[in-house]
Amino acid sequence: MILDFICGKCNVFSYLNEHNMIIVKNDHNKRKVEYNMSDTKDCNGTKLIEGDNVTLARDLNVKGSSLNIKRGTPVKNIHLTHKDNEVECRIGKSTIVLKTEFLKKA
C-alpha cells in the first residue's frame, strides 16, 4: 500500500511505502519515519493512536517495584509499541509498559 500525504512543516508531498515507512521528500527532513499501522485497542474496543491520553481501568501493581497505580490515574501521551496489546507511557518519573486491556481512552 502506498499513500501520499503533505508534510505539515513545508507542504511538500511525501508517501508511505509498502514497508510502513514514511518517506519525506524534502531538504529539511531527509529521514525515514516509522509509521505504525497497528490495531491497538483499549479495554472498550476504542482504537488507540500515538500520543493519546488514557486512564487506568483498574488498580495495578508494578512488577519489580513498590509502585501501585490506582484506578482512574490519567496517563498522557502514550507511545505504541510493536505489540498490539502493549503501550509505553510515563507515570510519575517512571517509564513503564502497560497492557491495553487495563486502559481506557480519556
C-alpha atoms as a PDB file:
ATOM      1  CA  MET A   1       0.000   0.000   0.000  1.00  0.00           C
ATOM      2  CA  ILE A   2       1.381   3.417  -0.935  1.00  0.00           C
ATOM      3  CA  LEU A   3      -0.264   6.568   0.458  1.00  0.00           C
ATOM      4  CA  ASP A   4       0.571  10.177  -0.393  1.00  0.00           C
ATOM      5  CA  PHE A   5       0.363  12.942   2.191  1.00  0.00           C
ATOM      6  CA  ILE A   6       1.584  16.520   2.658  1.00  0.00           C
ATOM      7  CA  CYS A   7       4.314  17.426   5.173  1.00  0.00           C
ATOM      8  CA  GLY A   8       2.839  19.831   7.739  1.00  0.00           C
ATOM      9  CA  LYS A   9       6.095  21.769   8.036  1.00  0.00           C
ATOM     10  CA  CYS A  10       6.748  22.669   4.425  1.00  0.00           C
ATOM     11  CA  ASN A  11       3.699  21.438   2.424  1.00  0.00           C
ATOM     12  CA  VAL A  12       5.843  19.010   0.409  1.00  0.00           C
ATOM     13  CA  PHE A  13       4.332  15.728  -0.774  1.00  0.00           C
ATOM     14  CA  SER A  14       5.586  12.593   0.928  1.00  0.00           C
ATOM     15  CA  TYR A  15       4.491   8.989   0.714  1.00  0.00           C
ATOM     16  CA  LEU A  16       4.057   5.834   2.766  1.00  0.00           C
ATOM     17  CA  ASN A  17       5.619   2.752   1.171  1.00  0.00           C
ATOM     18  CA  GLU A  18       4.688  -0.915   1.485  1.00  0.00           C
ATOM     19  CA  HIS A  19       7.074  -1.379   4.455  1.00  0.00           C
ATOM     20  CA  ASN A  20       5.117   1.149   6.577  1.00  0.00           C
ATOM     21  CA  MET A  21       7.872   3.758   6.384  1.00  0.00           C
ATOM     22  CA  ILE A  22       7.116   7.418   5.725  1.00  0.00           C
ATOM     23  CA  ILE A  23       9.488   8.795   3.126  1.00  0.00           C
ATOM     24  CA  VAL A  24       9.672  12.584   3.334  1.00  0.00           C
ATOM     25  CA  LYS A  25      10.920  14.111   0.079  1.00  0.00           C
ATOM     26  CA  ASN A  26      12.342  17.457   1.194  1.00  0.00           C
ATOM     27  CA  ASP A  27      15.596  19.031   2.351  1.00  0.00           C
ATOM     28  CA  HIS A  28      14.784  19.842   5.975  1.00  0.00           C
ATOM     29  CA  ASN A  29      13.819  16.282   6.848  1.00  0.00           C
ATOM     30  CA  LYS A  30      15.799  13.613   4.958  1.00  0.00           C
ATOM     31  CA  ARG A  31      14.984  10.745   7.275  1.00  0.00           C
ATOM     32  CA  LYS A  32      12.616   7.820   7.269  1.00  0.00           C
ATOM     33  CA  VAL A  33       9.981   7.874   9.970  1.00  0.00           C
ATOM     34  CA  GLU A  34       8.293   4.671  11.056  1.00  0.00           C
ATOM     35  CA  TYR A  35       4.535   4.775  10.707  1.00  0.00           C
ATOM     36  CA  ASN A  36       2.628   2.416  12.954  1.00  0.00           C
ATOM     37  CA  MET A  37      -0.466   0.955  11.286  1.00  0.00           C
ATOM     38  CA  SER A  38      -1.224  -1.336  14.216  1.00  0.00           C
ATOM     39  CA  ASP A  39      -4.655  -2.144  15.543  1.00  0.00           C
ATOM     40  CA  THR A  40      -4.121  -1.196  19.198  1.00  0.00           C
ATOM     41  CA  LYS A  41      -7.404  -1.014  21.140  1.00  0.00           C
ATOM     42  CA  ASP A  42      -8.290  -0.207  24.748  1.00  0.00           C
ATOM     43  CA  CYS A  43     -10.492  -2.318  27.061  1.00  0.00           C
ATOM     44  CA  ASN A  44     -13.658  -0.922  25.442  1.00  0.00           C
ATOM     45  CA  GLY A  45     -12.501  -1.592  21.880  1.00  0.00           C
ATOM     46  CA  THR A  46     -11.695   2.033  21.075  1.00  0.00           C
ATOM     47  CA  LYS A  47      -8.686   2.421  18.774  1.00  0.00           C
ATOM     48  CA  LEU A  48      -5.601   3.993  20.364  1.00  0.00           C
ATOM     49  CA  ILE A  49      -3.113   6.109  18.429  1.00  0.00           C
ATOM     50  CA  GLU A  50       0.292   7.583  19.236  1.00  0.00           C
ATOM     51  CA  GLY A  51       0.022  10.431  21.754  1.00  0.00           C
ATOM     52  CA  ASP A  52      -3.443   9.578  23.107  1.00  0.00           C
ATOM     53  CA  ASN A  53      -4.441  10.214  26.708  1.00  0.00           C
ATOM     54  CA  VAL A  54      -5.801   7.234  28.656  1.00  0.00           C
ATOM     55  CA  THR A  55      -6.895   6.337  32.179  1.00  0.00           C
ATOM     56  CA  LEU A  56      -6.387   3.111  34.084  1.00  0.00           C
ATOM     57  CA  ALA A  57      -9.428   0.861  34.294  1.00  0.00           C
ATOM     58  CA  ARG A  58      -8.260  -0.947  37.472  1.00  0.00           C
ATOM     59  CA  ASP A  59      -5.599  -0.869  40.203  1.00  0.00           C
ATOM     60  CA  LEU A  60      -2.224  -2.242  39.085  1.00  0.00           C
ATOM     61  CA  ASN A  61       0.842  -3.391  40.994  1.00  0.00           C
ATOM     62  CA  VAL A  62       4.037  -2.834  39.004  1.00  0.00           C
ATOM     63  CA  LYS A  63       6.304  -5.884  38.860  1.00  0.00           C
ATOM     64  CA  GLY A  64       9.715  -5.384  40.453  1.00  0.00           C
ATOM     65  CA  SER A  65       8.677  -2.158  42.138  1.00  0.00           C
ATOM     66  CA  SER A  66       6.717  -0.958  45.127  1.00  0.00           C
ATOM     67  CA  LEU A  67       4.698   1.272  42.789  1.00  0.00           C
ATOM     68  CA  ASN A  68       0.923   0.787  42.980  1.00  0.00           C
ATOM     69  CA  ILE A  69      -1.087   2.633  40.320  1.00  0.00           C
ATOM     70  CA  LYS A  70      -4.689   3.396  41.279  1.00  0.00           C
ATOM     71  CA  ARG A  71      -7.767   3.064  39.069  1.00  0.00           C
ATOM     72  CA  GLY A  72      -8.599   6.293  37.235  1.00  0.00           C
ATOM     73  CA  THR A  73      -4.994   7.528  37.094  1.00  0.00           C
ATOM     74  CA  PRO A  74      -4.614   9.671  33.955  1.00  0.00           C
ATOM     75  CA  VAL A  75      -1.772   8.794  31.588  1.00  0.00           C
ATOM     76  CA  LYS A  76      -0.836  11.368  28.954  1.00  0.00           C
ATOM     77  CA  ASN A  77       0.959  10.944  25.639  1.00  0.00           C
ATOM     78  CA  ILE A  78       1.188   7.161  25.228  1.00  0.00           C
ATOM     79  CA  HIS A  79       3.622   5.558  22.785  1.00  0.00           C
ATOM     80  CA  LEU A  80       2.624   2.497  20.779  1.00  0.00           C
ATOM     81  CA  THR A  81       4.955  -0.488  20.805  1.00  0.00           C
ATOM     82  CA  HIS A  82       5.464  -3.214  18.214  1.00  0.00           C
ATOM     83  CA  LYS A  83       2.917  -5.364  20.086  1.00  0.00           C
ATOM     84  CA  ASP A  84      -0.770  -4.560  19.614  1.00  0.00           C
ATOM     85  CA  ASN A  85      -1.655  -5.215  23.258  1.00  0.00           C
ATOM     86  CA  GLU A  86       1.022  -3.007  24.898  1.00  0.00           C
ATOM     87  CA  VAL A  87       1.713   0.730  25.153  1.00  0.00           C
ATOM     88  CA  GLU A  88       4.648   2.583  26.673  1.00  0.00           C
ATOM     89  CA  CYS A  89       3.892   5.501  28.951  1.00  0.00           C
ATOM     90  CA  ARG A  90       5.301   7.642  31.701  1.00  0.00           C
ATOM     91  CA  ILE A  91       3.754   7.627  35.181  1.00  0.00           C
ATOM     92  CA  GLY A  92       5.491   9.925  37.621  1.00  0.00           C
ATOM     93  CA  LYS A  93       9.191   9.666  36.802  1.00  0.00           C
ATOM     94  CA  SER A  94       8.977   6.054  35.624  1.00  0.00           C
ATOM     95  CA  THR A  95       8.536   4.855  32.050  1.00  0.00           C
ATOM     96  CA  ILE A  96       6.573   1.607  32.012  1.00  0.00           C
ATOM     97  CA  VAL A  97       4.808  -0.657  29.528  1.00  0.00           C
ATOM     98  CA  LEU A  98       1.120  -1.294  30.199  1.00  0.00           C
ATOM     99  CA  LYS A  99      -1.250  -3.815  28.646  1.00  0.00           C
ATOM    100  CA  THR A 100      -4.090  -2.169  26.755  1.00  0.00           C
ATOM    101  CA  GLU A 101      -6.687  -4.377  28.467  1.00  0.00           C
ATOM    102  CA  PHE A 102      -6.215  -2.236  31.608  1.00  0.00           C
ATOM    103  CA  LEU A 103      -6.573   1.134  29.826  1.00  0.00           C
ATOM    104  CA  LYS A 104      -9.474   3.174  28.524  1.00  0.00           C
ATOM    105  CA  LYS A 105      -9.263   6.197  26.272  1.00  0.00           C
ATOM    106  CA  ALA A 106      -9.793   9.519  28.070  1.00  0.00           C
END
